């Protein structure tokens, strides 16, 4: 969150919170399905790949993970492809990222006060901070739905959209 101030020292944070390539591709694929949801029938992997510029073999793997998470449904055979399993307003970016990357965390450092995680000076304090950062990331991504992203892509402000800052 470039430009936002954190901490009592008043320093500026200019780092980055990273979304994996897999998470980005999954979000782009589902946004494409949401943008074309009014069209009849499922959308082929080839069509999604062409519209999004994503590599088809990798996209196929991602769509299988999204299917396993219940975010898309598939139809096999001629005229087959994928559709959203739920309305776009019921699918958050947090769900999409979690479906392909697992839990949204700031790092894999363990939990405070479990399995000897606080055996070293200051460690428990920092573990609590990292857990809090992960919760903020999850909460922020949960606040965006595919319907919000469709509205933004079409240049329409969505009533539930949180400003991007």
Protein backbone atom coordinates (compact mmCIF):
# COMPACT_ATOMS: atom_id res chain seq x y z
CA UNK A 1 0.00 0.00 0.00
CA UNK A 2 2.37 2.65 -1.22
CA UNK A 3 2.06 6.04 0.34
CA UNK A 4 0.13 4.96 3.42
CA UNK A 5 1.65 5.74 6.80
CA UNK A 6 2.11 3.06 9.43
CA UNK A 7 3.66 3.07 12.86
CA UNK A 8 4.21 5.71 15.50
CA UNK A 9 7.49 6.80 13.93
CA UNK A 10 5.50 8.29 11.03
CA UNK A 11 7.60 6.47 8.45
CA UNK A 12 6.20 5.68 5.04
CA UNK A 13 5.78 2.11 3.90
CA UNK A 14 6.78 1.64 0.27
CA UNK A 15 6.84 -2.15 0.15
CA UNK A 16 4.51 -4.46 -1.70
CA UNK A 17 2.08 -7.13 -0.68
CA UNK A 18 2.32 -9.78 -3.35
CA UNK A 19 -0.40 -11.79 -4.98
CA UNK A 20 1.01 -14.87 -6.68
CA UNK A 21 0.92 -15.30 -10.44
CA UNK A 22 -1.50 -18.16 -9.85
CA UNK A 23 -3.78 -15.90 -7.78
CA UNK A 24 -3.64 -13.17 -10.43
CA UNK A 25 -4.41 -15.62 -13.25
CA UNK A 26 -7.30 -17.17 -11.30
CA UNK A 27 -8.77 -13.71 -10.64
CA UNK A 28 -8.40 -12.72 -14.29
CA UNK A 29 -10.02 -15.96 -15.50
CA UNK A 30 -13.02 -15.58 -13.19
CA UNK A 31 -13.36 -11.90 -14.06
CA UNK A 32 -13.52 -12.93 -17.72
CA UNK A 33 -16.27 -15.45 -16.92
CA UNK A 34 -18.14 -12.78 -14.94
CA UNK A 35 -17.81 -10.23 -17.75
CA UNK A 36 -19.37 -12.73 -20.17
CA UNK A 37 -21.83 -14.37 -17.76
CA UNK A 38 -24.86 -13.20 -19.75
CA UNK A 39 -23.74 -15.20 -22.80
CA UNK A 40 -25.36 -18.58 -23.38
CA UNK A 41 -23.51 -21.68 -22.24
CA UNK A 42 -20.08 -22.32 -20.81
CA UNK A 43 -16.90 -20.60 -21.97
CA UNK A 44 -14.08 -22.77 -23.31
CA UNK A 45 -10.60 -22.63 -21.78
CA UNK A 46 -9.33 -21.54 -25.19
CA UNK A 47 -11.71 -18.54 -25.22
CA UNK A 48 -10.75 -17.53 -21.68
CA UNK A 49 -7.05 -17.83 -22.59
CA UNK A 50 -7.53 -15.70 -25.72
CA UNK A 51 -9.52 -12.99 -23.92
CA UNK A 52 -7.14 -12.76 -20.97
CA UNK A 53 -3.81 -13.47 -22.67
CA UNK A 54 -3.11 -16.29 -20.19
CA UNK A 55 -1.26 -19.49 -21.19
CA UNK A 56 -3.87 -22.17 -21.81
CA UNK A 57 -2.07 -25.16 -20.17
CA UNK A 58 -1.52 -23.22 -16.92
CA UNK A 59 -5.07 -21.84 -17.08
CA UNK A 60 -6.45 -25.39 -17.30
CA UNK A 61 -4.68 -26.29 -14.03
CA UNK A 62 -5.98 -23.15 -12.33
CA UNK A 63 -9.55 -23.77 -13.48
CA UNK A 64 -9.40 -27.30 -12.07
CA UNK A 65 -8.38 -25.87 -8.68
CA UNK A 66 -11.20 -23.31 -8.90
CA UNK A 67 -13.63 -26.12 -9.74
CA UNK A 68 -12.40 -28.09 -6.73
CA UNK A 69 -13.06 -25.05 -4.55
CA UNK A 70 -16.62 -24.78 -5.89
CA UNK A 71 -16.09 -21.44 -7.65
CA UNK A 72 -16.73 -22.72 -11.19
CA UNK A 73 -18.65 -25.57 -12.78
CA UNK A 74 -17.54 -27.34 -15.92
CA UNK A 75 -19.25 -29.06 -18.83
CA UNK A 76 -17.35 -31.58 -20.91
CA UNK A 77 -17.55 -32.27 -24.61
CA UNK A 78 -18.67 -30.17 -27.56
CA UNK A 79 -19.82 -26.77 -26.35
CA UNK A 80 -18.18 -27.45 -23.01
CA UNK A 81 -16.25 -25.10 -20.81
CA UNK A 82 -16.67 -23.25 -17.54
CA UNK A 83 -19.28 -21.07 -15.84
CA UNK A 84 -19.29 -19.37 -12.44
CA UNK A 85 -20.78 -21.64 -9.79
CA UNK A 86 -22.35 -18.68 -7.96
CA UNK A 87 -23.36 -15.14 -8.86
CA UNK A 88 -20.40 -12.76 -9.28
CA UNK A 89 -21.55 -10.72 -6.26
CA UNK A 90 -21.08 -13.79 -4.05
CA UNK A 91 -17.47 -14.53 -5.04
CA UNK A 92 -14.76 -12.46 -3.35
CA UNK A 93 -11.16 -11.96 -4.40
CA UNK A 94 -10.16 -13.54 -1.07
CA UNK A 95 -11.99 -16.76 -2.01
CA UNK A 96 -10.32 -16.85 -5.42
CA UNK A 97 -6.82 -16.31 -4.01
CA UNK A 98 -7.37 -18.86 -1.23
CA UNK A 99 -8.68 -21.43 -3.72
CA UNK A 100 -5.42 -21.49 -5.68
CA UNK A 101 -2.83 -20.41 -3.08
CA UNK A 102 -4.20 -21.62 0.24
CA UNK A 103 -4.70 -19.38 3.27
CA UNK A 104 -3.92 -15.68 2.85
CA UNK A 105 -1.08 -14.95 5.26
CA UNK A 106 1.72 -12.40 5.55
CA UNK A 107 4.22 -15.22 5.97
CA UNK A 108 4.60 -18.79 7.16
CA UNK A 109 5.99 -18.03 10.60
CA UNK A 110 3.68 -20.07 12.85
CA UNK A 111 1.21 -18.92 15.46
CA UNK A 112 2.10 -17.18 18.74
CA UNK A 113 2.30 -19.47 21.79
CA UNK A 114 2.10 -22.72 19.78
CA UNK A 115 4.72 -25.41 19.23
CA UNK A 116 7.54 -23.41 20.82
CA UNK A 117 6.97 -20.46 18.48
CA UNK A 118 7.93 -17.96 21.20
CA UNK A 119 11.21 -19.45 22.33
CA UNK A 120 13.27 -16.46 21.20
CA UNK A 121 13.33 -12.83 22.28
CA UNK A 122 10.62 -10.70 20.67
CA UNK A 123 9.38 -13.53 18.49
CA UNK A 124 5.83 -13.70 19.90
CA UNK A 125 5.30 -9.97 19.50
CA UNK A 126 6.29 -10.15 15.84
CA UNK A 127 4.28 -13.31 15.19
CA UNK A 128 1.22 -11.47 16.47
CA UNK A 129 1.96 -8.53 14.12
CA UNK A 130 2.38 -10.86 11.10
CA UNK A 131 -0.90 -12.62 11.96
CA UNK A 132 -2.60 -9.21 12.14
CA UNK A 133 -1.19 -8.18 8.75
CA UNK A 134 -2.50 -11.42 7.22
CA UNK A 135 -5.96 -10.75 8.68
CA UNK A 136 -5.98 -7.23 7.18
CA UNK A 137 -5.01 -8.67 3.77
CA UNK A 138 -7.79 -11.28 3.98
CA UNK A 139 -10.34 -8.70 5.09
CA UNK A 140 -9.41 -6.25 2.33
CA UNK A 141 -9.56 -8.90 -0.41
CA UNK A 142 -12.87 -10.15 1.04
CA UNK A 143 -14.31 -6.66 0.49
CA UNK A 144 -14.01 -7.00 -3.31
CA UNK A 145 -16.38 -9.23 -5.28
CA UNK A 146 -16.27 -10.23 -8.92
CA UNK A 147 -19.38 -8.06 -9.41
CA UNK A 148 -17.36 -5.07 -8.12
CA UNK A 149 -14.59 -5.89 -10.58
CA UNK A 150 -17.10 -6.21 -13.46
CA UNK A 151 -18.53 -2.79 -12.58
CA UNK A 152 -15.04 -1.25 -12.51
CA UNK A 153 -14.10 -2.93 -15.80
CA UNK A 154 -17.22 -1.42 -17.37
CA UNK A 155 -16.53 2.00 -15.86
CA UNK A 156 -19.48 1.84 -13.47
CA UNK A 157 -19.00 2.44 -9.76
CA UNK A 158 -20.28 -0.48 -7.73
CA UNK A 159 -22.15 0.48 -4.52
CA UNK A 160 -20.24 -2.09 -2.47
CA UNK A 161 -16.85 -1.28 -3.96
CA UNK A 162 -14.13 -0.16 -1.61
CA UNK A 163 -11.96 2.56 -3.14
CA UNK A 164 -8.61 1.33 -4.41
CA UNK A 165 -5.93 3.30 -2.59
